[in-house]
Amino acid sequence: MPESGGEQRRRGNRNHAQAGDPASRLMKWAIVIAVATIVVAIGSCLASWMAWYSFKAQRDDARQLLQAQIASELNREFDSKEMRRARRVLASELLTRSANASDYRVFDFFDRVATYQHDQRIDGVTIYEAFSYYVVRYWLASRDTVKGFRRDQGDDQYHMGFEDLSDWMLSQEAGVRGRTVNDVAPSAREIDRFLHEEAALVE
């Protein structure tokens, strides 16, 4: 029995659809592969970022721990028997307006603190809170002695770290208080009282 025109058209459409299936499937697979590639790339980037963030967090934790250890060691050294003796001797000599100091360990200590700050081995806030009271007053009390020593040695770099540290600490305090460095610098009377306190240290 001959097929009607409608049946012939439907069969033709089916044949056309079947003939187009391979290309359609190929396109779908290409889309799937492209999407999968994007997902893998995003996952790789995310994994790399997480690894970097974890490494950075561990490094920051290690640096903070090291800074805390250094700060603790500096505090312990500054309050040790040997350093208290050196502070007492230096303060006594400064009270007599002696042009020379017999013991430079206090200056050397503050030079080392300045180096640690410069090398970022200890943060500025910790240094300021722990030593600003002593650094500023010792520098103002001893700067003529240090500068005389520099002239005698022909070297302006002696204890420059100590001087720079004192200047930085005064600038920090002035900034916090909204005043000038001269306004926040301790007076001669305050320095004298400080030296008497240090000269009376016991071991």
Protein backbone atom coordinates (compact mmCIF):
# COMPACT_ATOMS: atom_id res chain seq x y z
CA MET A 1 0.00 0.00 0.00
CA PRO A 2 1.63 3.30 -0.97
CA GLU A 3 2.57 5.70 1.86
CA SER A 4 0.74 8.92 2.21
CA GLY A 5 2.57 12.21 1.81
CA GLY A 6 2.34 12.86 5.57
CA GLU A 7 4.00 9.56 6.45
CA GLN A 8 6.77 10.21 3.97
CA ARG A 9 7.46 13.61 5.54
CA ARG A 10 7.54 12.15 9.07
CA ARG A 11 9.94 9.43 7.98
CA GLY A 12 12.14 12.02 6.32
CA ASN A 13 12.20 14.05 9.49
CA ARG A 14 13.20 11.00 11.54
CA ASN A 15 15.97 10.17 9.11
CA HIS A 16 17.18 13.77 9.19
CA ALA A 17 17.20 13.79 13.00
CA GLN A 18 19.08 10.50 13.12
CA ALA A 19 21.60 11.81 10.64
CA GLY A 20 22.16 14.88 12.86
CA ASP A 21 22.62 12.95 16.12
CA PRO A 22 26.44 12.46 15.90
CA ALA A 23 27.07 16.19 15.49
CA SER A 24 24.67 17.00 18.31
CA ARG A 25 26.34 14.50 20.60
CA LEU A 26 29.77 15.84 19.67
CA MET A 27 28.66 19.37 20.54
CA LYS A 28 27.27 18.22 23.88
CA TRP A 29 30.50 16.43 24.74
CA ALA A 30 32.50 19.51 23.76
CA ILE A 31 30.38 21.61 26.12
CA VAL A 32 30.76 19.07 28.92
CA ILE A 33 34.54 18.95 28.45
CA ALA A 34 34.76 22.74 28.40
CA VAL A 35 32.74 23.03 31.59
CA ALA A 36 34.80 20.30 33.26
CA THR A 37 38.01 22.09 32.23
CA ILE A 38 36.76 25.33 33.76
CA VAL A 39 35.76 23.55 36.97
CA VAL A 40 39.17 21.88 37.22
CA ALA A 41 40.91 25.21 36.60
CA ILE A 42 38.84 26.91 39.29
CA GLY A 43 39.51 24.05 41.69
CA SER A 44 43.24 24.24 40.98
CA CYS A 45 43.27 27.99 41.58
CA LEU A 46 41.31 27.56 44.79
CA ALA A 47 43.67 24.83 46.01
CA SER A 48 46.69 27.00 45.20
CA TRP A 49 45.18 29.96 47.03
CA MET A 50 44.36 27.83 50.07
CA ALA A 51 47.91 26.42 50.11
CA TRP A 52 49.38 29.94 49.85
CA TYR A 53 47.09 31.27 52.57
CA SER A 54 47.95 28.35 54.85
CA PHE A 55 51.67 28.91 54.27
CA LYS A 56 51.32 32.65 54.92
CA ALA A 57 49.35 32.02 58.13
CA GLN A 58 51.98 29.57 59.37
CA ARG A 59 54.77 31.99 58.50
CA ASP A 60 53.00 34.85 60.28
CA ASP A 61 52.41 32.67 63.33
CA ALA A 62 56.07 31.65 63.37
CA ARG A 63 57.20 35.28 63.05
CA GLN A 64 54.90 36.39 65.87
CA LEU A 65 56.14 33.57 68.06
CA LEU A 66 59.76 34.50 67.35
CA GLN A 67 59.05 38.16 68.07
CA ALA A 68 57.42 37.23 71.37
CA GLN A 69 60.43 35.09 72.30
CA ILE A 70 62.86 37.89 71.43
CA ALA A 71 60.81 40.40 73.44
CA SER A 72 60.79 38.06 76.42
CA GLU A 73 64.56 37.54 76.19
CA LEU A 74 65.20 41.28 75.94
CA ASN A 75 63.02 41.99 78.97
CA ARG A 76 64.77 39.28 80.95
CA GLU A 77 68.22 40.54 79.96
CA PHE A 78 67.38 44.17 80.76
CA ASP A 79 66.24 43.16 84.23
CA SER A 80 69.11 40.73 84.86
CA LYS A 81 71.60 41.23 87.69
CA GLU A 82 74.38 42.12 85.29
CA MET A 83 72.33 44.72 83.45
CA ARG A 84 70.88 46.20 86.62
CA ARG A 85 74.44 46.63 87.84
CA ALA A 86 75.45 48.27 84.55
CA ARG A 87 72.41 50.57 84.70
CA ARG A 88 73.21 51.54 88.28
CA VAL A 89 76.84 52.36 87.46
CA LEU A 90 75.92 54.33 84.33
CA ALA A 91 73.20 56.33 86.10
CA SER A 92 75.59 57.18 88.95
CA GLU A 93 78.22 58.40 86.51
CA LEU A 94 75.68 60.47 84.59
CA LEU A 95 74.52 62.09 87.83
CA THR A 96 78.07 63.28 88.47
CA ARG A 97 78.11 64.80 84.97
CA SER A 98 81.10 62.63 84.14
CA ALA A 99 82.33 63.12 80.59
CA ASN A 100 83.09 59.42 80.27
CA ALA A 101 81.19 56.24 80.96
CA SER A 102 83.01 53.22 82.29
CA ASP A 103 80.39 50.75 81.16
CA TYR A 104 78.71 50.92 77.75
CA ARG A 105 76.58 47.81 78.07
CA VAL A 106 73.37 49.83 78.41
CA PHE A 107 74.14 51.69 75.18
CA ASP A 108 75.04 48.43 73.44
CA PHE A 109 71.78 46.89 74.59
CA PHE A 110 69.70 49.71 73.12
CA ASP A 111 71.73 49.52 69.91
CA ARG A 112 70.73 45.86 69.65
CA VAL A 113 67.07 46.68 70.29
CA ALA A 114 67.26 49.23 67.46
CA THR A 115 68.76 46.60 65.16
CA TYR A 116 65.99 44.14 65.99
CA GLN A 117 63.41 46.78 65.16
CA HIS A 118 65.13 47.70 61.90
CA ASP A 119 65.29 44.03 60.88
CA GLN A 120 61.63 43.55 61.93
CA ARG A 121 62.60 40.83 64.35
CA ILE A 122 60.38 42.51 66.92
CA ASP A 123 57.44 44.81 66.34
CA GLY A 124 57.54 48.51 67.13
CA VAL A 125 54.60 48.44 69.55
CA THR A 126 56.31 45.88 71.78
CA ILE A 127 59.58 47.81 71.75
CA TYR A 128 57.86 51.07 72.52
CA GLU A 129 55.82 49.70 75.41
CA ALA A 130 58.76 47.85 76.95
CA PHE A 131 61.63 50.30 76.57
CA SER A 132 60.55 53.81 75.56
CA TYR A 133 60.66 55.09 79.14
CA TYR A 134 64.29 53.97 79.53
CA VAL A 135 65.57 54.63 76.02
CA VAL A 136 64.43 58.23 75.84
CA ARG A 137 65.67 59.19 79.31
CA TYR A 138 68.98 57.39 79.01
CA TRP A 139 69.64 59.00 75.63
CA LEU A 140 68.80 62.52 76.79
CA ALA A 141 70.95 62.01 79.89
CA SER A 142 73.92 60.55 78.02
CA ARG A 143 73.90 62.16 74.57
CA ASP A 144 76.71 64.58 75.46
CA THR A 145 78.78 61.64 76.70
CA VAL A 146 78.09 59.64 73.52
CA LYS A 147 78.81 62.58 71.24
CA GLY A 148 82.08 63.23 73.09
CA PHE A 149 83.02 59.59 72.59
CA ARG A 150 82.25 59.93 68.89
CA ARG A 151 84.54 62.94 68.61
CA ASP A 152 87.33 61.13 70.44
CA GLN A 153 86.99 58.11 68.18
CA GLY A 154 86.47 60.11 64.99
CA ASP A 155 83.36 58.11 64.16
CA ASP A 156 79.87 59.59 64.18
CA GLN A 157 78.24 56.16 63.94
CA TYR A 158 78.90 55.01 67.50
CA HIS A 159 75.57 54.19 69.17
CA MET A 160 73.63 55.72 66.30
CA GLY A 161 71.02 52.99 66.70
CA PHE A 162 70.47 54.09 70.29
CA GLU A 163 70.01 57.71 69.19
CA ASP A 164 67.69 56.84 66.31
CA LEU A 165 65.61 54.61 68.57
CA SER A 166 65.14 57.43 71.07
CA ASP A 167 64.16 59.87 68.29
CA TRP A 168 61.66 57.36 66.90
CA MET A 169 60.11 56.75 70.30
CA LEU A 170 59.71 60.47 70.98
CA SER A 171 58.12 60.90 67.55
CA GLN A 172 55.72 58.04 68.26
CA GLU A 173 54.66 59.56 71.56
CA ALA A 174 54.25 63.00 70.01
CA GLY A 175 52.07 61.55 67.26
CA VAL A 176 49.86 59.64 69.69
CA ARG A 177 49.40 62.66 71.93
CA GLY A 178 49.02 65.13 69.07
CA ARG A 179 51.87 67.31 70.32
CA THR A 180 55.42 68.20 69.28
CA VAL A 181 58.52 66.24 70.20
CA ASN A 182 59.73 69.07 72.42
CA ASP A 183 56.41 69.03 74.28
CA VAL A 184 56.60 65.32 75.13
CA ALA A 185 60.33 65.13 75.86
CA PRO A 186 61.01 64.65 79.59
CA SER A 187 62.28 67.69 81.45
CA ALA A 188 65.68 67.96 83.12
CA ARG A 189 64.02 67.38 86.47
CA GLU A 190 62.30 64.21 85.22
CA ILE A 191 65.58 62.92 83.82
CA ASP A 192 67.36 63.64 87.09
CA ARG A 193 64.69 61.77 89.03
CA PHE A 194 64.98 58.86 86.61
CA LEU A 195 68.76 58.68 87.05
CA HIS A 196 68.37 58.62 90.83
CA GLU A 197 65.91 55.73 90.49
CA GLU A 198 68.33 53.81 88.27
CA ALA A 199 71.30 54.58 90.54
CA ALA A 200 69.38 53.05 93.44
CA LEU A 201 68.70 49.74 91.66
CA VAL A 202 69.41 46.60 93.64
CA GLU A 203 70.49 43.34 92.16
